[in-house]
Amino acid sequence: MNGTSASQSMVRDLVAGYDLELQNKVDMAIFPPATLLSALADWTGDAAISFGGQDCHANKNGAHTGDIGAEMIADAGGSMVIVGHSERRVDHGESNLDVAAKASATWRGGLVAVICIGELEAERRSGKTLDVLGAQLAGSVPGGANATNTIIAYEPVWAIGTGLVPEVSDVKEAHGLIRTKLAARFGADGSAMRILYGGSVKPGNAAELMKITNVDGALVGGASLKAADFLGICEAYRTIA
């Protein structure tokens, strides 16, 4: 819940920094509040940046005041939707079943679903991280997922906005489990599906995180509010073969 029309200058800074070399290294997507989604196309012009919604309702339309459907996001210029973000799960009590329904709705609208999973601090402290991730993957990812219509984002909830980051070994273990589960369930598509890491990603730690096996990108939170920080994270890819 950040951003107004005053954010136009920041978006233009992102466009200016997203040069051809960087475009060949990394795909950039912005997930603004719904109030800005359609305006972004005008602000970015022909820049090779994708846009998406932060959430969607499971239904196409109807009496759901305050909600937005995947088809509406597509109509506004979006090509992706984040579903199951920890803040939706915690603040709004969304279950794995709810998330799966939203992912299916995203596909129905012709969009890519970015399905978020991640453990709470109490779950991590009790050694349940891998069990939680496995259960969320099984319950939140519908059977129709493939490498084209789905991206998985691992976000340890306790690390979001706190400045805390798991050890490299912990991220590697979590992403390794996710990859194993996806490959076992979806075969070649599961092996090719992108897995993003999200949780206090910054320019200073991005290169180390992005070099971890099975980390295919970042779901950036607080650092996306400043063009220099967001671009700094993208810049990590210039040094990654």
Protein backbone atom coordinates (compact mmCIF):
# COMPACT_ATOMS: atom_id res chain seq x y z
CA MET A 1 0.00 0.00 0.00
CA ASN A 2 2.55 2.48 -1.27
CA GLY A 3 2.63 4.84 -4.23
CA THR A 4 0.67 7.72 -5.74
CA SER A 5 1.00 9.70 -8.95
CA ALA A 6 4.06 11.30 -7.35
CA SER A 7 5.81 7.97 -7.92
CA GLN A 8 6.07 8.76 -11.63
CA SER A 9 9.59 10.12 -11.28
CA MET A 10 10.75 6.93 -9.56
CA VAL A 11 9.33 4.76 -12.34
CA ARG A 12 11.09 6.89 -14.94
CA ASP A 13 14.35 6.39 -13.03
CA LEU A 14 13.78 2.63 -13.22
CA VAL A 15 13.23 2.85 -16.97
CA ALA A 16 16.40 4.88 -17.41
CA GLY A 17 18.46 2.40 -15.39
CA TYR A 18 17.04 -0.70 -17.05
CA ASP A 19 19.41 -0.65 -20.02
CA LEU A 20 19.69 -3.24 -22.78
CA GLU A 21 22.52 -5.14 -21.10
CA LEU A 22 20.49 -5.45 -17.91
CA GLN A 23 17.39 -6.45 -19.87
CA ASN A 24 19.39 -9.36 -21.29
CA LYS A 25 20.30 -10.46 -17.76
CA VAL A 26 17.11 -9.98 -15.76
CA ASP A 27 13.36 -9.63 -16.26
CA MET A 28 11.90 -6.71 -14.32
CA ALA A 29 8.31 -6.59 -13.09
CA ILE A 30 6.57 -3.94 -10.97
CA PHE A 31 3.51 -4.70 -8.83
CA PRO A 32 1.99 -1.31 -7.98
CA PRO A 33 -1.25 -0.57 -6.14
CA ALA A 34 -4.23 -1.09 -8.43
CA THR A 35 -4.76 2.67 -8.63
CA LEU A 36 -1.52 3.06 -10.58
CA LEU A 37 -1.49 -0.04 -12.75
CA SER A 38 -2.99 1.44 -15.90
CA ALA A 39 -0.94 4.63 -15.55
CA LEU A 40 2.34 2.72 -15.58
CA ALA A 41 2.06 1.93 -19.27
CA ASP A 42 2.04 5.66 -20.00
CA TRP A 43 4.90 6.36 -17.61
CA THR A 44 7.17 3.61 -18.96
CA GLY A 45 6.38 3.89 -22.66
CA ASP A 46 7.95 1.03 -24.61
CA ALA A 47 10.28 -0.08 -21.81
CA ALA A 48 10.63 -3.85 -21.42
CA ILE A 49 9.08 -3.89 -17.95
CA SER A 50 6.18 -6.13 -16.94
CA PHE A 51 3.40 -5.08 -14.57
CA GLY A 52 1.22 -7.02 -12.21
CA GLY A 53 -1.39 -6.87 -9.48
CA GLN A 54 -0.71 -7.41 -5.79
CA ASP A 55 -3.76 -9.67 -5.34
CA CYS A 56 -6.95 -10.75 -7.05
CA HIS A 57 -10.32 -12.23 -6.16
CA ALA A 58 -11.04 -15.83 -7.03
CA ASN A 59 -14.15 -14.83 -8.98
CA LYS A 60 -14.18 -13.09 -12.34
CA ASN A 61 -16.72 -10.46 -11.23
CA GLY A 62 -19.72 -10.02 -8.97
CA ALA A 63 -20.80 -8.40 -5.71
CA HIS A 64 -17.37 -8.25 -4.06
CA THR A 65 -16.97 -4.61 -3.10
CA GLY A 66 -13.36 -3.53 -2.81
CA ASP A 67 -11.95 -6.56 -4.64
CA ILE A 68 -10.43 -6.79 -8.11
CA GLY A 69 -10.57 -9.66 -10.58
CA ALA A 70 -7.72 -11.07 -12.62
CA GLU A 71 -9.47 -10.03 -15.81
CA MET A 72 -9.57 -6.46 -14.50
CA ILE A 73 -5.82 -6.57 -13.87
CA ALA A 74 -5.26 -7.84 -17.41
CA ASP A 75 -7.49 -5.07 -18.77
CA ALA A 76 -5.42 -2.49 -16.89
CA GLY A 77 -2.22 -3.76 -18.51
CA GLY A 78 -1.02 -6.34 -16.01
CA SER A 79 0.48 -9.68 -16.98
CA MET A 80 1.06 -11.16 -13.52
CA VAL A 81 -0.58 -11.38 -10.08
CA ILE A 82 0.95 -12.02 -6.66
CA VAL A 83 -1.19 -14.46 -4.68
CA GLY A 84 -0.69 -15.80 -1.16
CA HIS A 85 1.67 -13.06 -0.02
CA SER A 86 2.37 -13.45 3.69
CA GLU A 87 0.60 -10.18 4.44
CA ARG A 88 -2.56 -11.53 2.81
CA ARG A 89 -2.22 -14.81 4.67
CA VAL A 90 -1.61 -13.09 8.03
CA ASP A 91 -3.69 -9.91 7.78
CA HIS A 92 -6.64 -11.45 5.94
CA GLY A 93 -6.46 -15.06 7.09
CA GLU A 94 -6.06 -16.48 3.60
CA SER A 95 -5.66 -20.27 3.58
CA ASN A 96 -3.79 -22.45 1.14
CA LEU A 97 -7.16 -23.24 -0.45
CA ASP A 98 -7.87 -19.53 -0.91
CA VAL A 99 -4.47 -19.02 -2.50
CA ALA A 100 -4.95 -21.95 -4.88
CA ALA A 101 -8.32 -20.53 -5.97
CA LYS A 102 -6.72 -17.17 -6.69
CA ALA A 103 -3.89 -18.80 -8.64
CA SER A 104 -6.46 -20.58 -10.80
CA ALA A 105 -8.28 -17.28 -11.30
CA THR A 106 -5.03 -15.68 -12.39
CA TRP A 107 -4.57 -18.31 -15.08
CA ARG A 108 -8.20 -17.90 -16.11
CA GLY A 109 -7.42 -14.25 -16.76
CA GLY A 110 -4.43 -15.20 -18.92
CA LEU A 111 -1.89 -14.01 -16.35
CA VAL A 112 1.12 -15.48 -14.54
CA ALA A 113 0.59 -16.39 -10.89
CA VAL A 114 3.39 -15.53 -8.45
CA ILE A 115 2.52 -17.88 -5.59
CA CYS A 116 4.09 -16.97 -2.25
CA ILE A 117 4.98 -19.38 0.52
CA GLY A 118 6.98 -18.96 3.72
CA GLU A 119 7.21 -19.79 7.40
CA LEU A 120 6.49 -17.68 10.47
CA GLU A 121 9.20 -17.03 13.05
CA ALA A 122 7.62 -19.45 15.54
CA GLU A 123 7.52 -22.16 12.86
CA ARG A 124 11.17 -21.58 12.05
CA ARG A 125 12.22 -21.67 15.70
CA SER A 126 10.41 -24.96 16.19
CA GLY A 127 12.17 -26.53 13.21
CA LYS A 128 9.04 -26.74 11.05
CA THR A 129 10.22 -24.64 8.10
CA LEU A 130 10.46 -27.45 5.57
CA ASP A 131 7.19 -29.04 6.72
CA VAL A 132 5.40 -25.69 6.37
CA LEU A 133 6.84 -25.07 2.90
CA GLY A 134 5.89 -28.53 1.75
CA ALA A 135 2.33 -28.14 3.00
CA GLN A 136 1.95 -24.70 1.45
CA LEU A 137 3.26 -25.92 -1.90
CA ALA A 138 0.86 -28.87 -1.87
CA GLY A 139 -2.13 -26.75 -0.87
CA SER A 140 -1.48 -23.45 -2.64
CA VAL A 141 -0.29 -24.57 -6.08
CA PRO A 142 -3.09 -25.97 -8.27
CA GLY A 143 -2.56 -28.93 -10.55
CA GLY A 144 -2.46 -26.80 -13.68
CA ALA A 145 0.81 -25.09 -12.78
CA ASN A 146 3.62 -25.07 -15.32
CA ALA A 147 6.83 -23.16 -15.99
CA THR A 148 4.99 -20.61 -18.12
CA ASN A 149 2.04 -19.70 -15.92
CA THR A 150 3.56 -19.98 -12.44
CA ILE A 151 6.39 -18.52 -10.39
CA ILE A 152 7.01 -19.55 -6.78
CA ALA A 153 8.26 -16.98 -4.27
CA TYR A 154 9.78 -18.10 -0.97
CA GLU A 155 9.51 -15.38 1.64
CA PRO A 156 10.43 -16.26 5.23
CA VAL A 157 7.82 -14.12 6.97
CA TRP A 158 10.13 -13.22 9.85
CA ALA A 159 12.63 -11.69 7.40
CA ILE A 160 10.23 -9.38 5.57
CA GLY A 161 11.00 -5.76 6.35
CA THR A 162 13.03 -6.66 9.43
CA GLY A 163 16.50 -6.52 7.94
CA LEU A 164 17.01 -10.13 9.00
CA VAL A 165 18.13 -12.56 6.30
CA PRO A 166 18.47 -16.35 6.61
CA GLU A 167 21.90 -17.89 6.29
CA VAL A 168 22.88 -18.84 2.75
CA SER A 169 22.67 -22.49 3.77
CA ASP A 170 19.09 -21.99 5.00
CA VAL A 171 18.00 -20.33 1.75
CA LYS A 172 19.70 -23.08 -0.24
CA GLU A 173 17.93 -25.75 1.81
CA ALA A 174 14.51 -24.10 1.43
CA HIS A 175 14.85 -23.55 -2.30
CA GLY A 176 16.23 -27.05 -2.73
CA LEU A 177 13.14 -28.50 -1.07
CA ILE A 178 10.86 -26.35 -3.20
CA ARG A 179 12.61 -27.45 -6.39
CA THR A 180 12.46 -31.11 -5.38
CA LYS A 181 8.74 -30.88 -4.61
CA LEU A 182 7.97 -29.04 -7.83
CA ALA A 183 9.97 -31.46 -9.97
CA ALA A 184 8.35 -34.46 -8.34
CA ARG A 185 4.87 -33.09 -8.95
CA PHE A 186 5.21 -31.29 -12.28
CA GLY A 187 8.18 -33.03 -13.93
CA ALA A 188 10.15 -30.93 -16.42
CA ASP A 189 7.90 -27.93 -15.76
CA GLY A 190 8.66 -28.16 -12.04
CA SER A 191 12.37 -28.28 -12.79
CA ALA A 192 12.09 -25.16 -14.95
CA MET A 193 9.67 -23.13 -12.81
CA ARG A 194 11.20 -19.94 -11.44
CA ILE A 195 11.70 -19.73 -7.68
CA LEU A 196 12.20 -16.25 -6.24
CA TYR A 197 13.60 -15.34 -2.83
CA GLY A 198 11.96 -12.53 -0.88
CA GLY A 199 12.89 -11.23 2.55
CA SER A 200 14.99 -8.12 3.19
CA VAL A 201 16.74 -8.33 -0.19
CA LYS A 202 18.99 -5.29 -0.59
CA PRO A 203 21.69 -4.12 -3.03
CA GLY A 204 24.30 -5.19 -0.50
CA ASN A 205 23.17 -8.83 -0.22
CA ALA A 206 21.54 -9.42 -3.61
CA ALA A 207 24.59 -10.86 -5.38
CA GLU A 208 25.19 -13.43 -2.65
CA LEU A 209 21.53 -14.45 -2.55
CA MET A 210 21.08 -14.62 -6.32
CA LYS A 211 24.07 -16.95 -6.70
CA ILE A 212 22.43 -19.62 -4.52
CA THR A 213 21.35 -22.75 -6.38
CA ASN A 214 17.63 -22.67 -7.30
CA VAL A 215 17.30 -18.95 -6.55
CA ASP A 216 16.08 -17.59 -9.87
CA GLY A 217 15.33 -14.03 -8.83
CA ALA A 218 14.03 -11.80 -6.06
CA LEU A 219 10.63 -10.69 -4.82
CA VAL A 220 11.61 -7.24 -3.60
CA GLY A 221 9.66 -5.46 -0.87
CA GLY A 222 10.90 -2.36 0.94
CA ALA A 223 13.90 -1.89 -1.36
CA SER A 224 11.54 -1.47 -4.30
CA LEU A 225 10.34 1.87 -2.94
CA LYS A 226 13.54 3.56 -4.09
CA ALA A 227 14.65 3.29 -7.71
CA ALA A 228 18.34 3.27 -6.75
CA ASP A 229 17.87 0.34 -4.36
CA PHE A 230 15.70 -1.64 -6.79
CA LEU A 231 18.17 -1.09 -9.62
CA GLY A 232 21.01 -1.94 -7.25
CA ILE A 233 19.46 -5.37 -6.72
CA CYS A 234 19.05 -5.82 -10.47
CA GLU A 235 22.68 -4.80 -10.95
CA ALA A 236 23.74 -7.95 -9.07
CA TYR A 237 22.98 -9.85 -12.25
CA ARG A 238 25.67 -8.05 -14.22
CA THR A 239 28.25 -10.06 -12.29
CA ILE A 240 26.40 -13.40 -12.38
CA ALA A 241 27.28 -15.59 -15.34
